[in-house]
Amino acid sequence: MAVIAAALPEASLGRKWNAPSFAFGGRDLITLNHPPKGGQVRVIFHRGAGAKDTKTGARLLPEADARLTWPSDQRAIACFPFGQEIDERWLAATCRAWVDAVGIAP
């Protein structure tokens, strides 16, 4: 969470889906998911409650690498198994790129 907070100092930290979430102007864009019994931490990149899948296959981050899975073209997920080292530079850059792609001005 500290990596995301440092990458997005203009974001406000709140709760969405009973988990920490980073918002811009009241619009949640990046939410963490912590399973209660081990497994992995998920960082969910989304566009807020009103975003609809365009079904075009044009992902919001066209240059994204295989570390993201895409349930829809408007939502991506990065998974980090507990105990695995996180590439902090990649995560920070991906968070910043997501906010930029959504079009939220700092």
Protein backbone atom coordinates (compact mmCIF):
# COMPACT_ATOMS: atom_id res chain seq x y z
CA MET A 1 0.00 0.00 0.00
CA ALA A 2 2.90 2.35 0.72
CA VAL A 3 4.18 1.94 -2.85
CA ILE A 4 0.84 3.04 -4.27
CA ALA A 5 0.50 5.93 -1.82
CA ALA A 6 3.98 7.18 -2.75
CA ALA A 7 3.25 6.85 -6.49
CA LEU A 8 -0.07 8.69 -6.17
CA PRO A 9 0.36 11.35 -3.47
CA GLU A 10 -2.67 13.27 -4.77
CA ALA A 11 -5.01 10.29 -4.19
CA SER A 12 -7.25 10.03 -1.18
CA LEU A 13 -7.27 6.75 0.72
CA GLY A 14 -10.64 5.28 1.59
CA ARG A 15 -12.46 1.95 1.57
CA LYS A 16 -14.26 0.17 -1.25
CA TRP A 17 -15.42 -3.43 -1.17
CA ASN A 18 -14.25 -3.46 2.48
CA ALA A 19 -10.65 -2.89 1.39
CA PRO A 20 -8.21 0.03 1.00
CA SER A 21 -8.91 2.05 -2.12
CA PHE A 22 -7.25 5.03 -3.79
CA ALA A 23 -9.61 7.67 -5.20
CA PHE A 24 -9.38 10.86 -7.22
CA GLY A 25 -12.15 13.41 -6.81
CA GLY A 26 -14.27 10.78 -5.06
CA ARG A 27 -13.76 8.27 -7.88
CA ASP A 28 -12.13 5.01 -6.78
CA LEU A 29 -9.56 3.77 -9.31
CA ILE A 30 -7.20 1.38 -7.52
CA THR A 31 -8.40 -1.01 -4.82
CA LEU A 32 -6.52 -3.65 -2.83
CA ASN A 33 -7.96 -7.06 -2.05
CA HIS A 34 -6.53 -8.93 0.94
CA PRO A 35 -7.88 -12.45 1.30
CA PRO A 36 -8.26 -13.37 4.98
CA LYS A 37 -6.48 -16.74 4.77
CA GLY A 38 -3.29 -16.39 2.78
CA GLY A 39 -3.24 -16.71 -0.97
CA GLN A 40 -2.35 -13.50 -2.71
CA VAL A 41 -2.88 -9.78 -2.55
CA ARG A 42 -4.66 -8.36 -5.57
CA VAL A 43 -4.37 -4.81 -6.84
CA ILE A 44 -7.50 -4.05 -8.83
CA PHE A 45 -7.30 -1.28 -11.39
CA HIS A 46 -10.78 -0.07 -12.31
CA ARG A 47 -12.66 3.02 -13.48
CA GLY A 48 -15.25 3.27 -10.74
CA ALA A 49 -18.75 1.90 -10.35
CA GLY A 50 -20.21 3.35 -13.56
CA ALA A 51 -17.59 2.08 -16.03
CA LYS A 52 -18.87 -0.33 -18.66
CA ASP A 53 -16.86 -2.79 -20.69
CA THR A 54 -16.65 -1.50 -24.26
CA LYS A 55 -16.24 -5.07 -25.56
CA THR A 56 -13.83 -3.79 -28.19
CA GLY A 57 -10.80 -5.57 -26.78
CA ALA A 58 -8.98 -2.22 -26.61
CA ARG A 59 -7.49 -2.31 -23.14
CA LEU A 60 -7.11 0.88 -21.17
CA LEU A 61 -3.35 0.24 -20.95
CA PRO A 62 -2.43 -1.08 -24.40
CA GLU A 63 1.26 -1.37 -23.48
CA ALA A 64 0.64 -3.39 -20.30
CA ASP A 65 2.63 -6.54 -19.78
CA ALA A 66 1.61 -10.05 -18.76
CA ARG A 67 1.66 -9.21 -15.04
CA LEU A 68 -1.86 -7.85 -15.47
CA THR A 69 -4.93 -9.96 -16.13
CA TRP A 70 -7.90 -8.29 -17.81
CA PRO A 71 -11.42 -9.36 -16.72
CA SER A 72 -12.66 -6.57 -19.04
CA ASP A 73 -11.09 -3.82 -21.13
CA GLN A 74 -11.87 -1.37 -18.30
CA ARG A 75 -10.47 -3.42 -15.39
CA ALA A 76 -7.12 -5.08 -14.76
CA ILE A 77 -5.73 -7.08 -11.84
CA ALA A 78 -2.19 -7.59 -10.60
CA CYS A 79 -1.68 -10.50 -8.19
CA PHE A 80 1.11 -10.85 -5.66
CA PRO A 81 1.38 -14.13 -3.72
CA PHE A 82 2.19 -13.66 -0.05
CA GLY A 83 5.93 -13.78 0.50
CA GLN A 84 6.77 -12.95 -3.12
CA GLU A 85 8.84 -9.85 -3.68
CA ILE A 86 6.95 -7.05 -5.41
CA ASP A 87 8.54 -5.11 -8.24
CA GLU A 88 7.85 -1.74 -6.65
CA ARG A 89 9.01 0.29 -9.64
CA TRP A 90 6.67 -1.62 -11.93
CA LEU A 91 3.73 -1.29 -9.53
CA ALA A 92 4.28 2.46 -9.05
CA ALA A 93 4.60 3.04 -12.80
CA THR A 94 1.50 0.95 -13.54
CA CYS A 95 -0.54 2.87 -10.95
CA ARG A 96 0.54 6.19 -12.44
CA ALA A 97 -0.14 4.96 -16.00
CA TRP A 98 -3.62 3.78 -14.96
CA VAL A 99 -4.56 7.15 -13.48
CA ASP A 100 -3.18 8.93 -16.55
CA ALA A 101 -5.10 6.60 -18.91
CA VAL A 102 -8.35 7.15 -17.05
CA GLY A 103 -7.81 10.86 -17.58
CA ILE A 104 -7.84 12.09 -14.00
CA ALA A 105 -5.90 15.34 -13.67
CA PRO A 106 -3.84 15.70 -10.48
